[in-house]
Protein backbone atom coordinates (compact mmCIF):
# COMPACT_ATOMS: atom_id res chain seq x y z
CA MET A 1 -21.67 10.91 -14.63
CA GLY A 2 -20.49 7.31 -14.53
CA PHE A 3 -18.32 5.35 -16.91
CA PHE A 4 -19.70 3.75 -20.08
CA GLY A 5 -17.90 1.42 -22.47
CA THR A 6 -18.30 -1.81 -24.42
CA TYR A 7 -15.37 -4.00 -25.44
CA ARG A 8 -15.01 -7.42 -27.05
CA TYR A 9 -12.10 -9.80 -26.71
CA ASP A 10 -11.45 -11.85 -29.83
CA GLY A 11 -8.87 -14.17 -28.33
CA SER A 12 -5.87 -11.88 -28.68
CA ARG A 13 -6.94 -8.25 -28.16
CA TRP A 14 -9.74 -5.92 -27.05
CA LEU A 15 -11.73 -3.79 -29.49
CA GLU A 16 -14.49 -1.27 -28.85
CA HIS A 17 -17.92 -2.57 -29.76
CA GLU A 18 -21.59 -1.59 -29.89
CA ALA A 19 -23.39 -2.52 -26.68
CA ASP A 20 -26.45 -4.06 -28.33
CA GLN A 21 -24.65 -6.09 -31.00
CA HIS A 22 -23.19 -9.54 -30.46
CA PRO A 23 -20.09 -10.16 -32.57
CA ASP A 24 -20.05 -12.82 -35.26
CA LEU A 25 -16.66 -14.28 -34.37
CA ALA A 26 -15.06 -17.66 -34.04
CA GLU A 27 -15.42 -18.93 -30.48
CA PRO A 28 -14.26 -18.40 -27.82
CA TRP A 29 -14.95 -14.67 -27.47
CA LEU A 30 -16.07 -12.44 -24.62
CA MET A 31 -17.67 -8.99 -24.40
CA VAL A 32 -18.05 -6.63 -21.44
CA SER A 33 -20.44 -3.67 -21.48
CA ILE A 34 -20.22 -1.15 -18.63
CA HIS A 35 -23.24 1.04 -17.87
CA ASP A 36 -22.84 4.19 -15.76
CA SER A 37 -20.25 2.60 -13.41
CA ASP A 38 -23.05 0.44 -11.94
CA ILE A 39 -23.65 -2.54 -14.22
CA THR A 40 -21.30 -4.66 -16.30
CA THR A 41 -22.91 -7.13 -18.66
CA VAL A 42 -20.60 -10.00 -19.57
CA VAL A 43 -21.51 -11.91 -22.74
CA TYR A 44 -19.43 -14.99 -23.53
CA ARG A 45 -19.34 -17.74 -26.12
CA PRO A 46 -19.31 -20.69 -26.00
CA THR A 47 -21.83 -20.72 -23.19
CA GLY A 48 -20.93 -24.12 -21.76
CA PRO A 49 -23.29 -24.88 -18.86
CA GLY A 50 -24.20 -21.19 -18.48
CA SER A 51 -26.59 -18.96 -20.40
CA GLY A 52 -23.81 -16.88 -21.93
CA VAL A 53 -24.74 -13.71 -20.01
CA ALA A 54 -23.57 -12.71 -16.52
CA TYR A 55 -23.48 -9.46 -14.55
CA LEU A 56 -21.08 -7.61 -12.27
CA GLY A 57 -22.17 -4.93 -9.81
CA VAL A 58 -25.94 -5.30 -9.99
CA THR A 59 -28.25 -6.93 -12.50
CA PRO A 60 -30.44 -4.74 -14.76
CA ARG A 61 -33.66 -6.07 -13.20
CA THR A 62 -32.33 -5.08 -9.76
CA TYR A 63 -30.90 -1.72 -10.88
CA PHE A 64 -34.03 -0.58 -12.72
CA GLU A 65 -36.43 -2.39 -10.35
CA ASP A 66 -37.99 -3.91 -13.45
CA PRO A 67 -38.24 -7.68 -14.00
CA GLU A 68 -38.39 -7.04 -17.75
CA ALA A 69 -34.97 -5.34 -17.77
CA SER A 70 -33.12 -8.67 -17.84
CA ALA A 71 -33.77 -12.38 -17.56
CA PRO A 72 -33.27 -13.94 -14.11
CA THR A 73 -29.63 -14.79 -13.49
CA ASP A 74 -28.01 -17.74 -11.74
CA PRO A 75 -24.49 -16.71 -10.61
CA ALA A 76 -23.42 -20.29 -9.88
CA LEU A 77 -24.45 -21.44 -13.35
CA GLU A 78 -22.77 -18.47 -15.04
CA ALA A 79 -19.60 -19.03 -13.01
CA ALA A 80 -19.53 -22.58 -14.37
CA GLY A 81 -20.04 -21.27 -17.90
CA LEU A 82 -17.30 -18.67 -17.52
CA ALA A 83 -14.90 -21.22 -16.03
CA ASN A 84 -15.57 -23.43 -19.04
CA TRP A 85 -14.90 -20.41 -21.28
CA TRP A 86 -11.64 -19.72 -19.44
CA GLY A 87 -10.55 -23.31 -19.97
CA GLN A 88 -11.22 -23.15 -23.70
CA ALA A 89 -9.63 -19.72 -24.09
CA HIS A 90 -6.42 -20.83 -22.37
CA GLY A 91 -6.29 -24.45 -23.50
CA ILE A 92 -6.94 -25.85 -20.01
CA SER A 93 -8.91 -29.10 -19.73
CA SER A 94 -8.24 -30.10 -16.11
CA ASP A 95 -11.58 -30.55 -14.33
CA ALA A 96 -9.96 -29.62 -11.01
CA GLU A 97 -8.57 -26.35 -12.37
CA ILE A 98 -11.86 -25.43 -14.03
CA GLU A 99 -13.77 -26.19 -10.82
CA ALA A 100 -11.37 -24.03 -8.79
CA LYS A 101 -11.73 -21.21 -11.31
CA LYS A 102 -15.53 -21.48 -11.11
CA LEU A 103 -15.49 -20.91 -7.35
CA LYS A 104 -13.28 -17.84 -7.73
CA LEU A 105 -15.34 -16.31 -10.54
CA ALA A 106 -18.59 -16.78 -8.62
CA ALA A 107 -17.42 -14.20 -6.07
CA TYR A 108 -17.56 -11.46 -8.73
CA LEU A 109 -21.00 -12.15 -10.18
CA ALA A 110 -24.16 -10.23 -9.29
CA GLU A 111 -27.41 -11.89 -8.31
CA ASP A 112 -30.96 -10.62 -8.57
CA ILE A 113 -32.02 -8.84 -5.37
CA ASP A 114 -35.47 -7.75 -4.27
CA PRO A 115 -35.59 -3.91 -3.95
CA ALA A 116 -36.95 -4.24 -0.41
CA GLU A 117 -33.87 -6.23 0.59
CA ILE A 118 -31.60 -3.52 -0.84
CA ASP A 119 -33.30 -0.83 1.24
CA ALA A 120 -32.91 -2.94 4.38
CA ASP A 121 -29.23 -3.58 3.67
CA GLU A 122 -28.55 0.14 3.14
CA ASP A 123 -30.10 0.95 6.51
CA GLU A 124 -27.86 -1.58 8.27
CA ASP A 125 -24.61 -1.02 6.34
CA VAL A 126 -22.25 1.28 8.23
CA ASP A 127 -18.96 0.25 6.60
CA ASP A 128 -17.39 2.40 3.90
CA PRO A 129 -17.45 0.49 0.60
CA ASP A 130 -14.23 0.12 -1.37
CA ASP A 131 -13.83 1.37 -4.94
CA ALA A 132 -14.76 -2.02 -6.40
CA GLU A 133 -18.21 -1.67 -4.84
CA ILE A 134 -18.63 1.95 -5.99
CA PHE A 135 -17.19 1.74 -9.52
CA VAL A 136 -18.11 -1.43 -11.38
CA GLU A 137 -15.25 -0.81 -13.83
CA VAL A 138 -12.84 -1.50 -10.96
CA LYS A 139 -14.54 -4.82 -10.26
CA THR A 140 -14.55 -5.52 -14.00
CA ALA A 141 -10.78 -5.03 -14.18
CA ALA A 142 -10.30 -7.47 -11.29
CA PHE A 143 -12.72 -9.93 -12.90
CA LEU A 144 -10.82 -9.86 -16.21
CA GLY A 145 -7.62 -10.42 -14.29
CA ARG A 146 -9.21 -13.49 -12.71
CA LEU A 147 -9.90 -14.71 -16.26
CA ASP A 148 -6.18 -14.16 -16.99
CA LEU A 149 -6.98 -11.58 -19.66
CA PRO A 150 -5.33 -8.23 -20.39
CA LEU A 151 -7.40 -5.09 -19.81
CA PRO A 152 -9.04 -2.86 -22.41
CA ARG A 153 -7.01 0.34 -22.60
CA ASP A 154 -9.84 2.42 -21.13
CA LEU A 155 -9.94 0.26 -18.02
CA GLU A 156 -6.18 0.54 -17.54
CA GLU A 157 -6.73 4.28 -17.13
CA ARG A 158 -9.57 3.96 -14.59
CA PRO A 159 -9.05 3.89 -10.78
CA GLY A 160 -7.37 0.62 -9.92
CA GLY A 161 -6.93 -0.38 -13.54
CA ASP A 162 -3.16 -0.63 -13.75
CA GLY A 163 -2.98 -3.22 -16.51
CA ARG A 164 0.57 -4.54 -16.78
CA GLN A 165 1.56 -2.33 -13.84
CA THR A 166 0.25 -5.08 -11.58
CA VAL A 167 2.53 -7.98 -10.69
CA TRP A 168 2.25 -11.11 -8.56
CA ALA A 169 4.96 -11.89 -6.00
CA PHE A 170 5.37 -15.30 -4.37
CA VAL A 171 7.03 -15.58 -0.96
CA GLY A 172 7.77 -19.15 0.09
CA GLU A 173 7.00 -20.42 3.58
CA GLY A 174 9.63 -19.10 5.96
CA GLY A 175 10.93 -16.67 3.37
CA ARG A 176 11.41 -12.94 3.77
CA TRP A 177 11.67 -11.76 0.16
CA PRO A 178 9.73 -12.77 -2.96
CA SER A 179 11.28 -15.80 -4.62
CA ALA A 180 9.54 -15.09 -7.93
CA ILE A 181 7.51 -12.28 -9.52
CA PHE A 182 5.02 -12.77 -12.36
CA SER A 183 3.04 -10.55 -14.72
CA THR A 184 -0.19 -12.59 -14.31
CA LYS A 185 -1.68 -14.78 -11.63
CA GLY A 186 -2.11 -17.61 -14.11
CA LEU A 187 1.64 -17.81 -14.72
CA ALA A 188 2.29 -17.70 -10.99
CA GLU A 189 -0.19 -20.49 -10.26
CA GLU A 190 1.35 -22.72 -12.93
CA TRP A 191 4.82 -22.17 -11.45
CA ILE A 192 3.67 -22.82 -7.86
CA SER A 193 1.65 -25.90 -8.80
CA ALA A 194 4.45 -27.44 -10.87
CA ARG A 195 6.82 -27.20 -7.89
CA GLY A 196 4.34 -28.08 -5.13
CA LEU A 197 5.28 -24.96 -3.16
CA THR A 198 3.89 -23.59 0.09
CA GLY A 199 3.71 -19.84 0.70
CA MET A 200 1.83 -16.64 -0.08
CA LEU A 201 1.08 -15.13 -3.50
CA THR A 202 0.29 -11.42 -3.41
CA GLU A 203 -0.78 -9.01 -6.14
CA TYR A 204 0.49 -5.46 -5.90
CA ARG A 205 1.16 -2.44 -8.05
CA VAL A 206 4.70 -1.71 -9.08
CA ASP A 207 4.22 1.97 -8.28
CA ASP A 208 3.03 1.22 -4.72
CA PRO A 209 5.91 -0.30 -2.71
CA VAL A 210 3.85 -0.76 0.47
CA TYR A 211 4.40 -4.53 0.43
CA GLU A 212 8.20 -4.19 0.34
CA TRP A 213 8.01 -1.41 2.93
CA ALA A 214 6.11 -3.68 5.29
CA VAL A 215 8.67 -6.46 4.89
CA THR A 216 11.74 -4.20 5.03
CA ASN A 217 10.60 -2.48 8.22
CA GLY A 218 9.73 -5.69 10.00
CA HIS A 219 5.96 -5.22 9.95
CA PHE A 220 5.27 -8.33 7.91
CA HIS A 221 6.99 -11.69 8.39
CA PRO A 222 5.62 -14.35 5.99
CA SER A 223 7.19 -17.04 8.18
CA ARG A 224 4.83 -16.24 11.06
CA PRO A 225 1.51 -18.12 10.81
CA GLU A 226 -0.43 -15.20 12.28
CA HIS A 227 0.92 -12.96 9.52
CA SER A 228 -0.48 -15.23 6.81
CA THR A 229 -4.11 -14.40 7.54
CA ALA A 230 -6.09 -12.27 5.11
CA ASP A 231 -6.98 -9.77 7.85
CA PHE A 232 -3.33 -9.16 8.69
CA ILE A 233 -2.11 -8.96 5.10
CA SER A 234 -4.91 -6.56 4.17
CA ARG A 235 -3.18 -3.90 6.30
CA PHE A 236 -0.44 -3.76 3.69
CA THR A 237 -2.45 -4.19 0.50
CA THR A 238 -4.76 -1.83 -1.35
CA ALA A 239 -8.38 -2.38 -2.34
CA TYR A 240 -7.18 -3.60 -5.73
CA GLN A 241 -4.77 -6.23 -4.45
CA GLU A 242 -5.44 -9.89 -3.82
CA HIS A 243 -3.51 -12.45 -1.84
CA GLU A 244 -3.77 -16.20 -1.58
CA HIS A 245 -2.05 -18.87 0.48
CA TYR A 246 -0.75 -22.03 -1.19
CA GLU A 247 0.12 -25.33 0.42
CA ASP A 248 1.92 -28.05 -1.53
CA GLY A 249 1.14 -26.20 -4.74
CA ALA A 250 -2.61 -25.85 -4.16
CA ALA A 251 -4.55 -22.76 -3.10
CA GLY A 252 -6.10 -23.12 0.31
């Protein structure tokens, strides 16, 4: 049996909530409802340019093969709406920052897929999926992190949901050891941008020292250009970790 849970964020904390009820709260607020480890419905207000509803994993109309199960979704539009929500929730008004956030959020959102296309993809897919593709609660935890939000307690206890046990380490260009470590990516990005730094920002779990092991034993040298590629770094990061290169304070 998969995981089920519905949680609403009121601007400061997460509370359990009924899946079919939208809260009557001051905006901005956000709600996530996880169905059987396959679908996460994200409801957010204000809607901005989006509809106020987005999906992670698969959409209901795809999952149930029923066009009546949910309205058609437009991931690009919902990413714009969620980026607008993020800006309001965190007091960020920079168009450039909101646009950059929109592009990152779009990677998490599900689109409507024809059932025939799913069958064809399954026949061709020979790679083993990671946990984020099997358990939508793992993807949900990563998505909430991208929104710079804490996790509901239940998600902290799921696979990959380490909550505050995840940190972000920045290694400057040519450096060997992290020059700064942060509790959230948002704080790290502000620090990097303010100083116009170049280097690599990596997320990793404090109980999994594989990153330090790779550096200590000479397997990973941030100063080498070939070691700054995602393919190389992925050898030393888990399915739940992210990494991003920055040049002159901007992600690239």
